Amino acid sequence: MKIQQIAELLDAKILCGADRLDGIVKSACGCDMMSDVLAFVKDQAVLLTGLCNPQVVRTAEMMDMKCIVFVRGKMPPESVVALADDSGIVVMATDERMYVACGKLYANGLAGGGTES
């Protein structure tokens, strides 16, 4: 799924990486525990989270993730957005709750990264 489509489905505000919206992600992960992301996520994924700190970006960078979506109306500090931009990661924010955001992406064909990938 193109990152642009994720933004549209979630009615998300692009915080950085508007020039990279044609990127493709193959799976999604909704999680606030970065240790779980490290344990279970494959590359070329989008991370949906309500956690707004630099560790989110560092984790996404280590896992070769292309996009981070902050849910529940959370807005990360500018330093977090700048770190993601420097790492080539698209960042967006949505008012959707994590469960609903993940459901919308799944219903529109984005795999969860488990056995259905």
N, C-alpha and C. Protein backbone atom coordinates (compact mmCIF):
# COMPACT_ATOMS: atom_id res chain seq x y z
N MET A 1 0.85 -1.17 0.00
CA MET A 1 0.00 0.00 0.00
C MET A 1 0.90 1.24 0.00
N LYS A 2 0.52 2.22 -0.79
CA LYS A 2 1.27 3.47 -0.81
C LYS A 2 1.00 4.27 0.48
N ILE A 3 2.02 4.97 0.93
CA ILE A 3 1.90 5.78 2.13
C ILE A 3 0.82 6.85 1.94
N GLN A 4 0.67 7.36 0.74
CA GLN A 4 -0.38 8.34 0.44
C GLN A 4 -1.75 7.78 0.76
N GLN A 5 -1.97 6.52 0.43
CA GLN A 5 -3.26 5.88 0.69
C GLN A 5 -3.51 5.75 2.19
N ILE A 6 -2.46 5.47 2.95
CA ILE A 6 -2.59 5.40 4.42
C ILE A 6 -3.05 6.75 4.95
N ALA A 7 -2.41 7.82 4.49
CA ALA A 7 -2.78 9.17 4.93
C ALA A 7 -4.25 9.46 4.62
N GLU A 8 -4.69 9.06 3.45
CA GLU A 8 -6.08 9.31 3.05
C GLU A 8 -7.06 8.49 3.88
N LEU A 9 -6.76 7.21 4.07
CA LEU A 9 -7.66 6.34 4.83
C LEU A 9 -7.81 6.80 6.28
N LEU A 10 -6.74 7.35 6.84
CA LEU A 10 -6.76 7.76 8.25
C LEU A 10 -7.02 9.24 8.43
N ASP A 11 -7.25 9.95 7.33
CA ASP A 11 -7.44 11.40 7.38
C ASP A 11 -6.33 12.03 8.23
N ALA A 12 -5.10 11.65 7.90
CA ALA A 12 -3.94 12.02 8.71
C ALA A 12 -3.26 13.28 8.19
N LYS A 13 -2.69 14.01 9.12
CA LYS A 13 -1.90 15.20 8.80
C LYS A 13 -0.44 14.77 8.61
N ILE A 14 0.15 15.16 7.48
CA ILE A 14 1.55 14.82 7.22
C ILE A 14 2.43 15.80 7.99
N LEU A 15 3.30 15.27 8.85
CA LEU A 15 4.19 16.11 9.65
C LEU A 15 5.57 16.24 9.04
N CYS A 16 5.99 15.22 8.31
CA CYS A 16 7.24 15.30 7.53
C CYS A 16 7.24 14.19 6.49
N GLY A 17 8.02 14.37 5.45
CA GLY A 17 8.15 13.35 4.42
C GLY A 17 7.11 13.42 3.32
N ALA A 18 6.52 14.59 3.11
CA ALA A 18 5.50 14.72 2.07
C ALA A 18 6.03 14.34 0.70
N ASP A 19 7.33 14.43 0.52
CA ASP A 19 7.94 14.05 -0.76
C ASP A 19 8.15 12.54 -0.89
N ARG A 20 7.79 11.78 0.13
CA ARG A 20 7.99 10.33 0.11
C ARG A 20 6.67 9.55 0.21
N LEU A 21 5.56 10.20 -0.12
CA LEU A 21 4.26 9.56 0.02
C LEU A 21 4.00 8.47 -1.02
N ASP A 22 4.85 8.39 -2.03
CA ASP A 22 4.69 7.32 -3.02
C ASP A 22 5.40 6.04 -2.58
N GLY A 23 6.01 6.06 -1.40
CA GLY A 23 6.65 4.86 -0.86
C GLY A 23 5.62 3.77 -0.59
N ILE A 24 6.08 2.53 -0.62
CA ILE A 24 5.22 1.37 -0.43
C ILE A 24 5.53 0.71 0.92
N VAL A 25 4.49 0.37 1.66
CA VAL A 25 4.66 -0.45 2.86
C VAL A 25 3.89 -1.75 2.66
N LYS A 26 4.41 -2.82 3.24
CA LYS A 26 3.83 -4.14 3.03
C LYS A 26 3.05 -4.67 4.22
N SER A 27 3.23 -4.03 5.39
CA SER A 27 2.53 -4.48 6.58
C SER A 27 2.40 -3.33 7.57
N ALA A 28 1.63 -3.56 8.63
CA ALA A 28 1.43 -2.54 9.65
C ALA A 28 1.57 -3.16 11.03
N CYS A 29 1.93 -2.31 11.99
CA CYS A 29 2.04 -2.74 13.37
C CYS A 29 1.48 -1.63 14.25
N GLY A 30 0.53 -1.95 15.10
CA GLY A 30 0.00 -0.99 16.06
C GLY A 30 0.50 -1.36 17.44
N CYS A 31 1.35 -0.51 18.02
CA CYS A 31 2.00 -0.89 19.27
C CYS A 31 2.58 0.32 19.98
N ASP A 32 2.52 0.31 21.32
CA ASP A 32 3.17 1.34 22.12
C ASP A 32 4.40 0.78 22.84
N MET A 33 4.64 -0.50 22.73
CA MET A 33 5.81 -1.11 23.36
C MET A 33 6.87 -1.38 22.29
N MET A 34 7.92 -0.59 22.31
CA MET A 34 8.93 -0.71 21.26
C MET A 34 9.66 -2.04 21.31
N SER A 35 9.71 -2.69 22.46
CA SER A 35 10.33 -4.02 22.53
C SER A 35 9.53 -5.02 21.70
N ASP A 36 8.21 -4.88 21.67
CA ASP A 36 7.38 -5.76 20.84
C ASP A 36 7.60 -5.47 19.37
N VAL A 37 7.76 -4.22 19.03
CA VAL A 37 8.03 -3.86 17.64
C VAL A 37 9.34 -4.51 17.19
N LEU A 38 10.35 -4.44 18.03
CA LEU A 38 11.65 -5.05 17.69
C LEU A 38 11.53 -6.56 17.53
N ALA A 39 10.65 -7.17 18.30
CA ALA A 39 10.53 -8.62 18.28
C ALA A 39 9.69 -9.15 17.12
N PHE A 40 8.72 -8.37 16.66
CA PHE A 40 7.75 -8.93 15.73
C PHE A 40 7.64 -8.28 14.37
N VAL A 41 8.17 -7.10 14.17
CA VAL A 41 7.93 -6.36 12.94
C VAL A 41 8.94 -6.70 11.87
N LYS A 42 8.43 -6.80 10.65
CA LYS A 42 9.30 -6.98 9.48
C LYS A 42 9.57 -5.62 8.87
N ASP A 43 10.47 -5.58 7.92
CA ASP A 43 10.81 -4.30 7.28
C ASP A 43 9.68 -3.82 6.37
N GLN A 44 9.84 -2.61 5.88
CA GLN A 44 8.88 -1.98 4.98
C GLN A 44 7.48 -1.96 5.56
N ALA A 45 7.40 -1.56 6.83
CA ALA A 45 6.12 -1.52 7.52
C ALA A 45 5.81 -0.09 7.95
N VAL A 46 4.57 0.09 8.38
CA VAL A 46 4.14 1.34 9.00
C VAL A 46 3.88 1.04 10.47
N LEU A 47 4.32 1.93 11.34
CA LEU A 47 4.11 1.79 12.78
C LEU A 47 3.04 2.77 13.22
N LEU A 48 2.01 2.27 13.87
CA LEU A 48 0.97 3.11 14.47
C LEU A 48 1.19 3.07 15.97
N THR A 49 1.30 4.25 16.59
CA THR A 49 1.61 4.31 18.00
C THR A 49 1.09 5.60 18.62
N GLY A 50 0.93 5.57 19.93
CA GLY A 50 0.58 6.77 20.68
C GLY A 50 1.77 7.27 21.49
N LEU A 51 2.88 6.58 21.38
CA LEU A 51 4.09 6.95 22.10
C LEU A 51 4.84 8.01 21.32
N CYS A 52 5.13 9.14 21.95
CA CYS A 52 5.71 10.29 21.24
C CYS A 52 7.10 10.63 21.75
N ASN A 53 8.04 9.74 21.59
CA ASN A 53 9.40 10.04 22.02
C ASN A 53 10.41 9.57 20.97
N PRO A 54 11.68 9.95 21.11
CA PRO A 54 12.68 9.59 20.09
C PRO A 54 12.88 8.09 19.91
N GLN A 55 12.58 7.30 20.94
CA GLN A 55 12.76 5.85 20.82
C GLN A 55 11.88 5.26 19.72
N VAL A 56 10.73 5.88 19.47
CA VAL A 56 9.85 5.41 18.40
C VAL A 56 10.57 5.52 17.05
N VAL A 57 11.21 6.65 16.83
CA VAL A 57 11.92 6.86 15.58
C VAL A 57 13.13 5.93 15.49
N ARG A 58 13.87 5.80 16.57
CA ARG A 58 15.05 4.92 16.57
C ARG A 58 14.64 3.47 16.28
N THR A 59 13.54 3.05 16.87
CA THR A 59 13.05 1.69 16.63
C THR A 59 12.62 1.53 15.18
N ALA A 60 11.88 2.48 14.66
CA ALA A 60 11.43 2.41 13.27
C ALA A 60 12.63 2.39 12.33
N GLU A 61 13.63 3.18 12.64
CA GLU A 61 14.84 3.23 11.82
C GLU A 61 15.55 1.88 11.81
N MET A 62 15.69 1.25 12.99
CA MET A 62 16.36 -0.05 13.08
C MET A 62 15.61 -1.13 12.32
N MET A 63 14.28 -1.00 12.26
CA MET A 63 13.45 -2.02 11.61
C MET A 63 13.16 -1.69 10.14
N ASP A 64 13.82 -0.67 9.61
CA ASP A 64 13.65 -0.26 8.22
C ASP A 64 12.19 0.06 7.89
N MET A 65 11.51 0.69 8.85
CA MET A 65 10.12 1.09 8.64
C MET A 65 10.10 2.39 7.83
N LYS A 66 9.08 2.55 7.04
CA LYS A 66 8.97 3.69 6.13
C LYS A 66 8.10 4.82 6.66
N CYS A 67 7.26 4.51 7.66
CA CYS A 67 6.26 5.49 8.09
C CYS A 67 5.86 5.25 9.54
N ILE A 68 5.64 6.35 10.26
CA ILE A 68 5.10 6.30 11.61
C ILE A 68 3.81 7.12 11.62
N VAL A 69 2.76 6.54 12.19
CA VAL A 69 1.50 7.25 12.35
C VAL A 69 1.22 7.38 13.85
N PHE A 70 1.14 8.61 14.33
CA PHE A 70 0.78 8.85 15.72
C PHE A 70 -0.75 8.92 15.79
N VAL A 71 -1.33 8.09 16.66
CA VAL A 71 -2.78 7.96 16.77
C VAL A 71 -3.32 8.75 17.95
N ARG A 72 -4.64 8.75 18.08
CA ARG A 72 -5.35 9.40 19.19
C ARG A 72 -5.06 10.89 19.30
N GLY A 73 -4.77 11.53 18.18
CA GLY A 73 -4.53 12.97 18.19
C GLY A 73 -3.20 13.36 18.81
N LYS A 74 -2.34 12.41 19.06
CA LYS A 74 -1.03 12.70 19.66
C LYS A 74 -0.18 13.45 18.64
N MET A 75 0.53 14.45 19.12
CA MET A 75 1.44 15.22 18.27
C MET A 75 2.84 15.12 18.88
N PRO A 76 3.77 14.53 18.15
CA PRO A 76 5.14 14.40 18.68
C PRO A 76 5.83 15.75 18.72
N PRO A 77 6.83 15.89 19.61
CA PRO A 77 7.61 17.13 19.63
C PRO A 77 8.35 17.32 18.31
N GLU A 78 8.65 18.56 17.99
CA GLU A 78 9.34 18.88 16.74
C GLU A 78 10.67 18.13 16.63
N SER A 79 11.33 17.90 17.76
CA SER A 79 12.62 17.18 17.73
C SER A 79 12.43 15.74 17.23
N VAL A 80 11.32 15.13 17.57
CA VAL A 80 11.03 13.76 17.12
C VAL A 80 10.73 13.76 15.62
N VAL A 81 9.97 14.74 15.17
CA VAL A 81 9.65 14.87 13.75
C VAL A 81 10.93 15.10 12.95
N ALA A 82 11.80 15.97 13.44
CA ALA A 82 13.06 16.26 12.75
C ALA A 82 13.95 15.03 12.68
N LEU A 83 14.00 14.25 13.75
CA LEU A 83 14.79 13.02 13.76
C LEU A 83 14.27 12.04 12.70
N ALA A 84 12.95 11.90 12.61
CA ALA A 84 12.36 11.02 11.61
C ALA A 84 12.65 11.52 10.20
N ASP A 85 12.53 12.81 10.00
CA ASP A 85 12.79 13.39 8.68
C ASP A 85 14.24 13.13 8.26
N ASP A 86 15.17 13.30 9.19
CA ASP A 86 16.58 13.04 8.92
C ASP A 86 16.82 11.57 8.57
N SER A 87 15.96 10.69 9.10
CA SER A 87 16.10 9.26 8.85
C SER A 87 15.31 8.79 7.62
N GLY A 88 14.62 9.71 6.96
CA GLY A 88 13.86 9.36 5.77
C GLY A 88 12.53 8.67 6.06
N ILE A 89 12.00 8.88 7.26
CA ILE A 89 10.75 8.25 7.67
C ILE A 89 9.61 9.27 7.58
N VAL A 90 8.53 8.88 6.93
CA VAL A 90 7.35 9.74 6.85
C VAL A 90 6.66 9.70 8.22
N VAL A 91 6.23 10.87 8.69
CA VAL A 91 5.51 10.94 9.96
C VAL A 91 4.17 11.63 9.72
N MET A 92 3.13 11.03 10.27
CA MET A 92 1.80 11.63 10.20
C MET A 92 1.07 11.43 11.50
N ALA A 93 0.00 12.19 11.68
CA ALA A 93 -0.81 12.10 12.89
C ALA A 93 -2.28 12.02 12.51
N THR A 94 -3.01 11.21 13.25
CA THR A 94 -4.44 11.04 13.02
C THR A 94 -5.19 11.11 14.34
N ASP A 95 -6.43 11.52 14.29
CA ASP A 95 -7.27 11.53 15.48
C ASP A 95 -7.86 10.16 15.78
N GLU A 96 -7.73 9.23 14.84
CA GLU A 96 -8.28 7.88 15.04
C GLU A 96 -7.60 7.18 16.22
N ARG A 97 -8.37 6.35 16.90
CA ARG A 97 -7.79 5.49 17.93
C ARG A 97 -7.02 4.37 17.23
N MET A 98 -6.07 3.78 17.94
CA MET A 98 -5.22 2.78 17.31
C MET A 98 -6.02 1.61 16.73
N TYR A 99 -6.98 1.11 17.48
CA TYR A 99 -7.77 -0.03 17.03
C TYR A 99 -8.48 0.28 15.71
N VAL A 100 -9.10 1.44 15.63
CA VAL A 100 -9.83 1.83 14.43
C VAL A 100 -8.87 2.06 13.27
N ALA A 101 -7.76 2.74 13.53
CA ALA A 101 -6.77 3.00 12.47
C ALA A 101 -6.22 1.70 11.90
N CYS A 102 -5.85 0.78 12.77
CA CYS A 102 -5.34 -0.51 12.30
C CYS A 102 -6.42 -1.26 11.52
N GLY A 103 -7.65 -1.21 12.01
CA GLY A 103 -8.75 -1.88 11.32
C GLY A 103 -8.99 -1.34 9.93
N LYS A 104 -8.92 -0.02 9.79
CA LYS A 104 -9.11 0.59 8.46
C LYS A 104 -8.02 0.13 7.49
N LEU A 105 -6.79 0.11 7.96
CA LEU A 105 -5.69 -0.32 7.08
C LEU A 105 -5.84 -1.79 6.72
N TYR A 106 -6.17 -2.63 7.69
CA TYR A 106 -6.35 -4.05 7.44
C TYR A 106 -7.50 -4.30 6.47
N ALA A 107 -8.62 -3.61 6.68
CA ALA A 107 -9.79 -3.78 5.82
C ALA A 107 -9.51 -3.36 4.38
N ASN A 108 -8.51 -2.50 4.21
CA ASN A 108 -8.16 -2.05 2.87
C ASN A 108 -6.96 -2.77 2.29
N GLY A 109 -6.60 -3.90 2.89
CA GLY A 109 -5.62 -4.80 2.28
C GLY A 109 -4.21 -4.78 2.83
N LEU A 110 -3.95 -3.99 3.87
CA LEU A 110 -2.59 -3.97 4.43
C LEU A 110 -2.47 -5.07 5.47
N ALA A 111 -1.51 -5.96 5.25
CA ALA A 111 -1.33 -7.13 6.12
C ALA A 111 -0.82 -6.72 7.49
N GLY A 112 -1.00 -7.62 8.45
CA GLY A 112 -0.52 -7.39 9.80
C GLY A 112 0.91 -7.83 10.01
N GLY A 113 1.52 -8.46 9.06
CA GLY A 113 2.92 -8.86 9.19
C GLY A 113 3.10 -10.25 9.76
N GLY A 114 2.04 -10.93 10.13
CA GLY A 114 2.14 -12.29 10.66
C GLY A 114 2.05 -13.30 9.55
N THR A 115 1.26 -14.33 9.74
CA THR A 115 1.15 -15.40 8.76
C THR A 115 0.38 -14.97 7.52
N GLU A 116 -0.37 -13.86 7.62
CA GLU A 116 -1.15 -13.42 6.45
C GLU A 116 -0.31 -12.62 5.46
N SER A 117 0.95 -12.31 5.77
CA SER A 117 1.78 -11.52 4.86
C SER A 117 2.23 -12.31 3.66
